[in-house]
């Protein structure tokens, strides 16, 4: 069985691999990527999946394909294919200009949230309050997805940044590799980085803040207000909107709009930091010790 990774905001993927029966090069049709559950607390719980079947056009061998997608990244596998032979993945995005789409990803979500808020004004009070809580939690989930996706994309976009990250990321310091496995590890390094970064809890903003600071020199600034909103989101998702004392958290339309504006401003500052950054300005280990 061969595995592969892809960007979680892709619309579809096209997979290319060699048939083990006849050695013919196979190319799948565009396979739709499922949408993650943005209300989930962890990447694992957010994963949705789709199953596909592909027939080799040369020998008729059938391959089972599973595509998983969560808030922090997508992956999948193909039956009967040797993982060492590898799978080539072509990603398709809703916009032709991927970088422009990525930078506008959260802003588009904010617009959609505002549209929904306007549409539910005519509903009864109980329904409105329920939907306000749901949308509030969704804004935080989308922020976490952005932080994960942007971090992975930027770390893998430059060999300088990749090395800086690998040499200083705390979780890698105790990872031991035998000499005989060095080349295998190098071949799968990008996938290993993606998998590791997906497992980070992105609502732990102090830790994520430190990673962005030590890797790119980008400072999130004061995140205390966002952490309060993350705590409210936790109560909405895990306690049906009640805090530890059983008090229901009342979320209004203005609360959702204010949070959306805060997060949009927060992400805008990060994007501004990336726009101003050159490879020569990336902090080196001696300048910024990793936590």
C-alpha atoms as a PDB file:
ATOM      1  CA  UNK A   1       0.000   0.000   0.000  1.00  0.00           C
ATOM      2  CA  UNK A   2       1.325   3.440  -0.948  1.00  0.00           C
ATOM      3  CA  UNK A   3       0.524   6.620   0.952  1.00  0.00           C
ATOM      4  CA  UNK A   4       0.453  10.259  -0.130  1.00  0.00           C
ATOM      5  CA  UNK A   5      -0.187  13.742   1.275  1.00  0.00           C
ATOM      6  CA  UNK A   6      -1.933  16.816  -0.076  1.00  0.00           C
ATOM      7  CA  UNK A   7      -2.974  20.332   0.894  1.00  0.00           C
ATOM      8  CA  UNK A   8      -6.251  20.349   2.915  1.00  0.00           C
ATOM      9  CA  UNK A   9      -7.725  23.265   0.958  1.00  0.00           C
ATOM     10  CA  UNK A  10      -7.379  21.482  -2.396  1.00  0.00           C
ATOM     11  CA  UNK A  11     -10.590  20.954  -4.376  1.00  0.00           C
ATOM     12  CA  UNK A  12      -9.366  17.724  -5.922  1.00  0.00           C
ATOM     13  CA  UNK A  13      -6.266  15.578  -6.447  1.00  0.00           C
ATOM     14  CA  UNK A  14      -4.988  13.649  -9.470  1.00  0.00           C
ATOM     15  CA  UNK A  15      -2.781  10.680  -8.575  1.00  0.00           C
ATOM     16  CA  UNK A  16      -0.085   9.126 -10.776  1.00  0.00           C
ATOM     17  CA  UNK A  17       1.590   5.806  -9.991  1.00  0.00           C
ATOM     18  CA  UNK A  18       2.980   2.664 -11.612  1.00  0.00           C
ATOM     19  CA  UNK A  19       0.832  -0.465 -11.794  1.00  0.00           C
ATOM     20  CA  UNK A  20       2.703  -3.330 -10.050  1.00  0.00           C
ATOM     21  CA  UNK A  21       1.083  -5.884 -12.372  1.00  0.00           C
ATOM     22  CA  UNK A  22       2.060  -4.468 -15.777  1.00  0.00           C
ATOM     23  CA  UNK A  23       4.354  -1.517 -14.966  1.00  0.00           C
ATOM     24  CA  UNK A  24       2.053   0.867 -16.839  1.00  0.00           C
ATOM     25  CA  UNK A  25       1.869   4.474 -15.664  1.00  0.00           C
ATOM     26  CA  UNK A  26      -1.587   5.176 -14.208  1.00  0.00           C
ATOM     27  CA  UNK A  27      -3.317   8.521 -13.827  1.00  0.00           C
ATOM     28  CA  UNK A  28      -6.598   8.841 -11.964  1.00  0.00           C
ATOM     29  CA  UNK A  29      -9.400  11.201 -12.796  1.00  0.00           C
ATOM     30  CA  UNK A  30      -9.793  14.281 -10.595  1.00  0.00           C
ATOM     31  CA  UNK A  31     -10.759  12.879  -7.178  1.00  0.00           C
ATOM     32  CA  UNK A  32     -12.788  15.250  -5.011  1.00  0.00           C
ATOM     33  CA  UNK A  33     -11.315  16.069  -1.607  1.00  0.00           C
ATOM     34  CA  UNK A  34     -13.777  15.793   1.320  1.00  0.00           C
ATOM     35  CA  UNK A  35     -14.355  18.815   3.542  1.00  0.00           C
ATOM     36  CA  UNK A  36     -13.016  18.500   7.125  1.00  0.00           C
ATOM     37  CA  UNK A  37     -15.286  18.822  10.159  1.00  0.00           C
ATOM     38  CA  UNK A  38     -14.320  22.339  11.285  1.00  0.00           C
ATOM     39  CA  UNK A  39     -16.254  21.953  14.539  1.00  0.00           C
ATOM     40  CA  UNK A  40     -13.899  19.224  15.782  1.00  0.00           C
ATOM     41  CA  UNK A  41     -11.346  19.915  18.508  1.00  0.00           C
ATOM     42  CA  UNK A  42      -8.487  17.827  17.058  1.00  0.00           C
ATOM     43  CA  UNK A  43      -7.178  16.957  13.620  1.00  0.00           C
ATOM     44  CA  UNK A  44      -8.070  13.288  14.140  1.00  0.00           C
ATOM     45  CA  UNK A  45     -11.695  14.055  14.995  1.00  0.00           C
ATOM     46  CA  UNK A  46     -12.029  16.470  12.067  1.00  0.00           C
ATOM     47  CA  UNK A  47     -11.120  13.920   9.384  1.00  0.00           C
ATOM     48  CA  UNK A  48     -13.664  13.033   6.700  1.00  0.00           C
ATOM     49  CA  UNK A  49     -12.885  10.535   3.971  1.00  0.00           C
ATOM     50  CA  UNK A  50     -13.906   9.343   0.515  1.00  0.00           C
ATOM     51  CA  UNK A  51     -13.287   5.946  -1.098  1.00  0.00           C
ATOM     52  CA  UNK A  52     -12.582   5.604  -4.816  1.00  0.00           C
ATOM     53  CA  UNK A  53     -11.771   2.771  -7.228  1.00  0.00           C
ATOM     54  CA  UNK A  54      -9.349   3.077 -10.141  1.00  0.00           C
ATOM     55  CA  UNK A  55      -8.857   0.533 -12.935  1.00  0.00           C
ATOM     56  CA  UNK A  56      -5.504   0.210 -14.693  1.00  0.00           C
ATOM     57  CA  UNK A  57      -6.211   0.997 -18.374  1.00  0.00           C
ATOM     58  CA  UNK A  58      -3.576  -1.517 -19.478  1.00  0.00           C
ATOM     59  CA  UNK A  59      -4.247  -4.681 -17.461  1.00  0.00           C
ATOM     60  CA  UNK A  60      -7.514  -3.947 -15.658  1.00  0.00           C
ATOM     61  CA  UNK A  61      -6.105  -4.261 -12.134  1.00  0.00           C
ATOM     62  CA  UNK A  62      -8.387  -2.532  -9.634  1.00  0.00           C
ATOM     63  CA  UNK A  63      -6.950  -0.184  -7.016  1.00  0.00           C
ATOM     64  CA  UNK A  64      -8.804   0.991  -3.912  1.00  0.00           C
ATOM     65  CA  UNK A  65      -8.070   4.612  -3.048  1.00  0.00           C
ATOM     66  CA  UNK A  66      -8.911   6.316   0.239  1.00  0.00           C
ATOM     67  CA  UNK A  67      -8.670  10.085   0.649  1.00  0.00           C
ATOM     68  CA  UNK A  68      -8.707  11.542   4.168  1.00  0.00           C
ATOM     69  CA  UNK A  69      -8.905  15.247   4.913  1.00  0.00           C
ATOM     70  CA  UNK A  70      -8.735  17.010   8.277  1.00  0.00           C
ATOM     71  CA  UNK A  71      -8.354  20.584   9.423  1.00  0.00           C
ATOM     72  CA  UNK A  72      -4.560  20.283   9.573  1.00  0.00           C
ATOM     73  CA  UNK A  73      -3.898  18.344   6.374  1.00  0.00           C
ATOM     74  CA  UNK A  74      -4.908  15.649   3.929  1.00  0.00           C
ATOM     75  CA  UNK A  75      -3.516  12.206   3.185  1.00  0.00           C
ATOM     76  CA  UNK A  76      -4.536   8.953   1.584  1.00  0.00           C
ATOM     77  CA  UNK A  77      -3.445   5.541   0.374  1.00  0.00           C
ATOM     78  CA  UNK A  78      -3.666   3.297  -2.688  1.00  0.00           C
ATOM     79  CA  UNK A  79      -3.943  -0.474  -2.347  1.00  0.00           C
ATOM     80  CA  UNK A  80      -1.446  -2.859  -3.995  1.00  0.00           C
ATOM     81  CA  UNK A  81       1.079  -0.107  -4.826  1.00  0.00           C
ATOM     82  CA  UNK A  82       4.580  -0.313  -3.395  1.00  0.00           C
ATOM     83  CA  UNK A  83       5.169   2.701  -1.161  1.00  0.00           C
ATOM     84  CA  UNK A  84       8.809   2.872  -2.269  1.00  0.00           C
ATOM     85  CA  UNK A  85       7.675   3.434  -5.875  1.00  0.00           C
ATOM     86  CA  UNK A  86       5.905   6.560  -4.723  1.00  0.00           C
ATOM     87  CA  UNK A  87       2.743   8.376  -5.763  1.00  0.00           C
ATOM     88  CA  UNK A  88       2.765  11.682  -7.612  1.00  0.00           C
ATOM     89  CA  UNK A  89       0.038  14.069  -6.454  1.00  0.00           C
ATOM     90  CA  UNK A  90      -1.323  16.959  -8.500  1.00  0.00           C
ATOM     91  CA  UNK A  91      -3.524  19.300  -6.462  1.00  0.00           C
ATOM     92  CA  UNK A  92      -6.343  21.406  -7.851  1.00  0.00           C
ATOM     93  CA  UNK A  93      -7.538  24.590  -6.155  1.00  0.00           C
ATOM     94  CA  UNK A  94     -10.664  26.742  -6.521  1.00  0.00           C
ATOM     95  CA  UNK A  95      -8.568  29.631  -7.857  1.00  0.00           C
ATOM     96  CA  UNK A  96      -5.972  29.533 -10.626  1.00  0.00           C
ATOM     97  CA  UNK A  97      -3.582  31.606  -8.534  1.00  0.00           C
ATOM     98  CA  UNK A  98      -2.963  29.355  -5.544  1.00  0.00           C
ATOM     99  CA  UNK A  99      -0.938  31.852  -3.525  1.00  0.00           C
ATOM    100  CA  UNK A 100      -3.626  34.503  -3.960  1.00  0.00           C
ATOM    101  CA  UNK A 101      -6.284  31.978  -2.996  1.00  0.00           C
ATOM    102  CA  UNK A 102      -4.332  30.949   0.088  1.00  0.00           C
ATOM    103  CA  UNK A 103      -3.876  34.529   1.302  1.00  0.00           C
ATOM    104  CA  UNK A 104      -7.593  35.207   0.849  1.00  0.00           C
ATOM    105  CA  UNK A 105      -8.744  31.863   2.272  1.00  0.00           C
ATOM    106  CA  UNK A 106      -9.781  33.127   5.696  1.00  0.00           C
ATOM    107  CA  UNK A 107     -11.190  36.421   4.404  1.00  0.00           C
ATOM    108  CA  UNK A 108     -13.504  34.460   2.121  1.00  0.00           C
ATOM    109  CA  UNK A 109     -14.605  32.388   5.098  1.00  0.00           C
ATOM    110  CA  UNK A 110     -15.350  35.584   7.041  1.00  0.00           C
ATOM    111  CA  UNK A 111     -17.519  36.842   4.184  1.00  0.00           C
ATOM    112  CA  UNK A 112     -19.426  33.554   4.142  1.00  0.00           C
ATOM    113  CA  UNK A 113     -19.909  33.754   7.918  1.00  0.00           C
ATOM    114  CA  UNK A 114     -21.300  37.292   7.668  1.00  0.00           C
ATOM    115  CA  UNK A 115     -23.661  36.177   4.896  1.00  0.00           C
ATOM    116  CA  UNK A 116     -24.979  33.385   7.123  1.00  0.00           C
ATOM    117  CA  UNK A 117     -25.387  35.790  10.055  1.00  0.00           C
ATOM    118  CA  UNK A 118     -27.571  38.073   7.943  1.00  0.00           C
ATOM    119  CA  UNK A 119     -29.678  35.163   6.729  1.00  0.00           C
ATOM    120  CA  UNK A 120     -30.502  33.852  10.205  1.00  0.00           C
ATOM    121  CA  UNK A 121     -31.798  37.212  11.486  1.00  0.00           C
ATOM    122  CA  UNK A 122     -35.336  36.072  10.677  1.00  0.00           C
ATOM    123  CA  UNK A 123     -35.131  32.888  12.754  1.00  0.00           C
ATOM    124  CA  UNK A 124     -36.498  32.518  16.268  1.00  0.00           C
ATOM    125  CA  UNK A 125     -34.272  33.448  19.214  1.00  0.00           C
ATOM    126  CA  UNK A 126     -33.415  29.876  20.263  1.00  0.00           C
ATOM    127  CA  UNK A 127     -32.297  28.962  16.723  1.00  0.00           C
ATOM    128  CA  UNK A 128     -30.288  32.160  16.355  1.00  0.00           C
ATOM    129  CA  UNK A 129     -28.397  31.626  19.603  1.00  0.00           C
ATOM    130  CA  UNK A 130     -27.571  28.050  18.642  1.00  0.00           C
ATOM    131  CA  UNK A 131     -26.250  29.128  15.251  1.00  0.00           C
ATOM    132  CA  UNK A 132     -24.288  32.022  16.748  1.00  0.00           C
ATOM    133  CA  UNK A 133     -22.427  29.572  18.985  1.00  0.00           C
ATOM    134  CA  UNK A 134     -21.761  27.254  16.026  1.00  0.00           C
ATOM    135  CA  UNK A 135     -20.413  30.076  13.838  1.00  0.00           C
ATOM    136  CA  UNK A 136     -18.276  31.411  16.690  1.00  0.00           C
ATOM    137  CA  UNK A 137     -16.607  28.016  17.099  1.00  0.00           C
ATOM    138  CA  UNK A 138     -16.197  27.703  13.332  1.00  0.00           C
ATOM    139  CA  UNK A 139     -14.239  30.971  13.106  1.00  0.00           C
ATOM    140  CA  UNK A 140     -11.699  29.641  15.630  1.00  0.00           C
ATOM    141  CA  UNK A 141     -11.453  26.286  13.823  1.00  0.00           C
ATOM    142  CA  UNK A 142     -10.762  28.051  10.545  1.00  0.00           C
ATOM    143  CA  UNK A 143      -8.045  30.136  12.191  1.00  0.00           C
ATOM    144  CA  UNK A 144      -6.372  26.959  13.454  1.00  0.00           C
ATOM    145  CA  UNK A 145      -6.588  25.413   9.974  1.00  0.00           C
ATOM    146  CA  UNK A 146      -4.919  28.507   8.500  1.00  0.00           C
ATOM    147  CA  UNK A 147      -2.087  28.436  11.055  1.00  0.00           C
ATOM    148  CA  UNK A 148      -1.403  24.772  10.305  1.00  0.00           C
ATOM    149  CA  UNK A 149      -1.630  24.981   6.532  1.00  0.00           C
ATOM    150  CA  UNK A 150       0.470  28.149   6.277  1.00  0.00           C
ATOM    151  CA  UNK A 151       3.167  26.793   8.593  1.00  0.00           C
ATOM    152  CA  UNK A 152       3.510  23.540   6.636  1.00  0.00           C
ATOM    153  CA  UNK A 153       3.557  25.328   3.278  1.00  0.00           C
ATOM    154  CA  UNK A 154       6.173  27.858   4.373  1.00  0.00           C
ATOM    155  CA  UNK A 155       8.456  25.341   6.121  1.00  0.00           C
ATOM    156  CA  UNK A 156       8.541  23.153   3.007  1.00  0.00           C
ATOM    157  CA  UNK A 157       8.932  26.029   0.544  1.00  0.00           C
ATOM    158  CA  UNK A 158      12.609  26.705   1.316  1.00  0.00           C
ATOM    159  CA  UNK A 159      15.540  24.421   2.097  1.00  0.00           C
ATOM    160  CA  UNK A 160      16.900  27.129   4.411  1.00  0.00           C
ATOM    161  CA  UNK A 161      13.684  27.300   6.427  1.00  0.00           C
ATOM    162  CA  UNK A 162      13.303  23.525   6.404  1.00  0.00           C
ATOM    163  CA  UNK A 163      16.776  23.040   7.871  1.00  0.00           C
ATOM    164  CA  UNK A 164      16.210  25.797  10.411  1.00  0.00           C
ATOM    165  CA  UNK A 165      13.010  24.118  11.508  1.00  0.00           C
ATOM    166  CA  UNK A 166      14.403  20.565  11.653  1.00  0.00           C
ATOM    167  CA  UNK A 167      17.515  21.523  13.602  1.00  0.00           C
ATOM    168  CA  UNK A 168      15.634  23.488  16.236  1.00  0.00           C
ATOM    169  CA  UNK A 169      12.163  21.998  16.616  1.00  0.00           C
ATOM    170  CA  UNK A 170      12.049  20.585  20.133  1.00  0.00           C
ATOM    171  CA  UNK A 171      10.132  17.426  19.182  1.00  0.00           C
ATOM    172  CA  UNK A 172      12.877  16.453  16.693  1.00  0.00           C
ATOM    173  CA  UNK A 173      15.788  16.752  19.111  1.00  0.00           C
ATOM    174  CA  UNK A 174      15.208  13.310  20.638  1.00  0.00           C
ATOM    175  CA  UNK A 175      14.374  11.594  17.350  1.00  0.00           C
ATOM    176  CA  UNK A 176      17.136   9.058  16.654  1.00  0.00           C
ATOM    177  CA  UNK A 177      18.030   7.760  13.185  1.00  0.00           C
ATOM    178  CA  UNK A 178      20.391   4.853  12.481  1.00  0.00           C
ATOM    179  CA  UNK A 179      23.041   5.389   9.796  1.00  0.00           C
ATOM    180  CA  UNK A 180      21.452   2.717   7.595  1.00  0.00           C
ATOM    181  CA  UNK A 181      18.126   4.605   7.565  1.00  0.00           C
ATOM    182  CA  UNK A 182      19.444   8.076   6.734  1.00  0.00           C
ATOM    183  CA  UNK A 183      18.620   7.974   3.023  1.00  0.00           C
ATOM    184  CA  UNK A 184      15.170   6.483   3.621  1.00  0.00           C
ATOM    185  CA  UNK A 185      14.496   9.251   6.118  1.00  0.00           C
ATOM    186  CA  UNK A 186      15.661  11.879   3.634  1.00  0.00           C
ATOM    187  CA  UNK A 187      13.341  10.495   0.933  1.00  0.00           C
ATOM    188  CA  UNK A 188      10.312  10.787   3.217  1.00  0.00           C
ATOM    189  CA  UNK A 189      11.406  13.931   5.056  1.00  0.00           C
ATOM    190  CA  UNK A 190       8.690  16.235   3.710  1.00  0.00           C
ATOM    191  CA  UNK A 191       5.957  13.739   4.577  1.00  0.00           C
ATOM    192  CA  UNK A 192       7.433  13.320   8.064  1.00  0.00           C
ATOM    193  CA  UNK A 193       7.416  17.100   8.585  1.00  0.00           C
ATOM    194  CA  UNK A 194       3.805  17.369   7.379  1.00  0.00           C
ATOM    195  CA  UNK A 195       2.691  14.565   9.704  1.00  0.00           C
ATOM    196  CA  UNK A 196       4.509  16.103  12.682  1.00  0.00           C
ATOM    197  CA  UNK A 197       3.134  19.594  12.103  1.00  0.00           C
ATOM    198  CA  UNK A 198      -0.417  18.291  11.711  1.00  0.00           C
ATOM    199  CA  UNK A 199      -0.284  16.788  15.177  1.00  0.00           C
ATOM    200  CA  UNK A 200       0.449  20.138  16.814  1.00  0.00           C
ATOM    201  CA  UNK A 201      -2.516  21.510  18.758  1.00  0.00           C
ATOM    202  CA  UNK A 202      -3.005  24.819  16.969  1.00  0.00           C
ATOM    203  CA  UNK A 203      -5.332  26.308  19.561  1.00  0.00           C
ATOM    204  CA  UNK A 204      -2.294  26.317  21.863  1.00  0.00           C
ATOM    205  CA  UNK A 205      -1.406  29.780  20.550  1.00  0.00           C
ATOM    206  CA  UNK A 206       1.569  30.415  22.864  1.00  0.00           C
ATOM    207  CA  UNK A 207       3.326  27.337  21.448  1.00  0.00           C
ATOM    208  CA  UNK A 208       2.357  28.122  17.851  1.00  0.00           C
ATOM    209  CA  UNK A 209       3.437  31.725  18.392  1.00  0.00           C
ATOM    210  CA  UNK A 210       6.869  30.529  19.441  1.00  0.00           C
ATOM    211  CA  UNK A 211       7.213  28.266  16.395  1.00  0.00           C
ATOM    212  CA  UNK A 212       6.369  31.097  14.002  1.00  0.00           C
ATOM    213  CA  UNK A 213       8.721  33.443  15.870  1.00  0.00           C
ATOM    214  CA  UNK A 214      11.689  31.068  15.933  1.00  0.00           C
ATOM    215  CA  UNK A 215      11.196  29.819  12.377  1.00  0.00           C
ATOM    216  CA  UNK A 216      10.276  33.019  10.529  1.00  0.00           C
ATOM    217  CA  UNK A 217      10.820  35.867  12.978  1.00  0.00           C
ATOM    218  CA  UNK A 218       7.083  36.661  12.823  1.00  0.00           C
ATOM    219  CA  UNK A 219       5.657  37.823  16.147  1.00  0.00           C
ATOM    220  CA  UNK A 220       1.939  37.239  16.849  1.00  0.00           C
ATOM    221  CA  UNK A 221       1.937  39.917  19.529  1.00  0.00           C
ATOM    222  CA  UNK A 222      -0.534  39.700  22.419  1.00  0.00           C
ATOM    223  CA  UNK A 223      -2.768  36.640  21.953  1.00  0.00           C
ATOM    224  CA  UNK A 224      -4.561  36.801  25.325  1.00  0.00           C
ATOM    225  CA  UNK A 225      -7.903  37.927  23.843  1.00  0.00           C
ATOM    226  CA  UNK A 226      -7.802  35.187  21.215  1.00  0.00           C
ATOM    227  CA  UNK A 227      -7.020  32.637  23.946  1.00  0.00           C
ATOM    228  CA  UNK A 228     -10.191  33.731  25.769  1.00  0.00           C
ATOM    229  CA  UNK A 229     -12.160  33.131  22.568  1.00  0.00           C
ATOM    230  CA  UNK A 230     -10.506  29.726  22.160  1.00  0.00           C
ATOM    231  CA  UNK A 231     -11.627  28.821  25.701  1.00  0.00           C
ATOM    232  CA  UNK A 232     -15.205  29.795  24.786  1.00  0.00           C
ATOM    233  CA  UNK A 233     -14.959  27.705  21.625  1.00  0.00           C
ATOM    234  CA  UNK A 234     -13.852  24.747  23.774  1.00  0.00           C
ATOM    235  CA  UNK A 235     -16.967  25.124  25.940  1.00  0.00           C
ATOM    236  CA  UNK A 236     -19.183  25.336  22.854  1.00  0.00           C
ATOM    237  CA  UNK A 237     -17.725  22.196  21.293  1.00  0.00           C
ATOM    238  CA  UNK A 238     -17.276  20.052  24.406  1.00  0.00           C
ATOM    239  CA  UNK A 239     -19.842  21.296  26.924  1.00  0.00           C
ATOM    240  CA  UNK A 240     -22.677  22.267  24.615  1.00  0.00           C
ATOM    241  CA  UNK A 241     -21.916  25.930  25.240  1.00  0.00           C
ATOM    242  CA  UNK A 242     -21.628  25.772  29.040  1.00  0.00           C
ATOM    243  CA  UNK A 243     -18.579  26.658  31.121  1.00  0.00           C
ATOM    244  CA  UNK A 244     -17.129  24.548  33.956  1.00  0.00           C
ATOM    245  CA  UNK A 245     -19.776  25.884  36.325  1.00  0.00           C
ATOM    246  CA  UNK A 246     -22.620  24.927  34.004  1.00  0.00           C
ATOM    247  CA  UNK A 247     -23.368  28.502  32.947  1.00  0.00           C
ATOM    248  CA  UNK A 248     -24.478  28.781  29.315  1.00  0.00           C
ATOM    249  CA  UNK A 249     -22.276  31.078  27.245  1.00  0.00           C
ATOM    250  CA  UNK A 250     -24.462  33.609  25.455  1.00  0.00           C
ATOM    251  CA  UNK A 251     -23.047  34.441  22.015  1.00  0.00           C
ATOM    252  CA  UNK A 252     -24.559  37.293  20.023  1.00  0.00           C
ATOM    253  CA  UNK A 253     -24.322  38.267  16.377  1.00  0.00           C
ATOM    254  CA  UNK A 254     -21.952  41.084  17.360  1.00  0.00           C
ATOM    255  CA  UNK A 255     -19.736  38.595  19.214  1.00  0.00           C
ATOM    256  CA  UNK A 256     -19.305  36.529  16.039  1.00  0.00           C
ATOM    257  CA  UNK A 257     -18.607  39.620  13.930  1.00  0.00           C
ATOM    258  CA  UNK A 258     -16.077  40.965  16.454  1.00  0.00           C
ATOM    259  CA  UNK A 259     -14.250  37.627  16.609  1.00  0.00           C
ATOM    260  CA  UNK A 260     -14.178  37.358  12.805  1.00  0.00           C
ATOM    261  CA  UNK A 261     -12.646  40.846  12.601  1.00  0.00           C
ATOM    262  CA  UNK A 262     -10.071  40.027  15.301  1.00  0.00           C
ATOM    263  CA  UNK A 263      -8.984  36.820  13.608  1.00  0.00           C
ATOM    264  CA  UNK A 264      -8.946  38.447  10.180  1.00  0.00           C
ATOM    265  CA  UNK A 265      -6.677  41.205  11.544  1.00  0.00           C
ATOM    266  CA  UNK A 266      -4.490  38.585  13.276  1.00  0.00           C
ATOM    267  CA  UNK A 267      -4.025  36.594  10.057  1.00  0.00           C
ATOM    268  CA  UNK A 268      -3.498  39.777   8.056  1.00  0.00           C
ATOM    269  CA  UNK A 269      -0.538  40.664  10.285  1.00  0.00           C
ATOM    270  CA  UNK A 270       0.963  37.211   9.711  1.00  0.00           C
ATOM    271  CA  UNK A 271       0.573  37.580   5.951  1.00  0.00           C
ATOM    272  CA  UNK A 272       2.194  41.015   6.124  1.00  0.00           C
ATOM    273  CA  UNK A 273       5.100  39.414   7.961  1.00  0.00           C
ATOM    274  CA  UNK A 274       5.507  36.810   5.240  1.00  0.00           C
ATOM    275  CA  UNK A 275       5.293  39.449   2.500  1.00  0.00           C
ATOM    276  CA  UNK A 276       8.109  41.467   4.081  1.00  0.00           C
ATOM    277  CA  UNK A 277      10.300  38.450   4.801  1.00  0.00           C
ATOM    278  CA  UNK A 278      13.322  37.540   2.708  1.00  0.00           C
ATOM    279  CA  UNK A 279      15.340  34.352   3.122  1.00  0.00           C
ATOM    280  CA  UNK A 280      18.281  36.373   4.460  1.00  0.00           C
ATOM    281  CA  UNK A 281      16.050  37.690   7.258  1.00  0.00           C
ATOM    282  CA  UNK A 282      15.039  34.243   8.520  1.00  0.00           C
ATOM    283  CA  UNK A 283      16.368  33.891  12.097  1.00  0.00           C
ATOM    284  CA  UNK A 284      19.224  31.487  12.642  1.00  0.00           C
ATOM    285  CA  UNK A 285      19.452  29.107  15.637  1.00  0.00           C
ATOM    286  CA  UNK A 286      21.940  31.240  17.533  1.00  0.00           C
ATOM    287  CA  UNK A 287      19.569  34.213  17.400  1.00  0.00           C
ATOM    288  CA  UNK A 288      16.380  32.525  18.569  1.00  0.00           C
ATOM    289  CA  UNK A 289      16.470  29.343  20.690  1.00  0.00           C
ATOM    290  CA  UNK A 290      13.541  26.998  20.019  1.00  0.00           C
ATOM    291  CA  UNK A 291      11.135  26.092  22.810  1.00  0.00           C
END
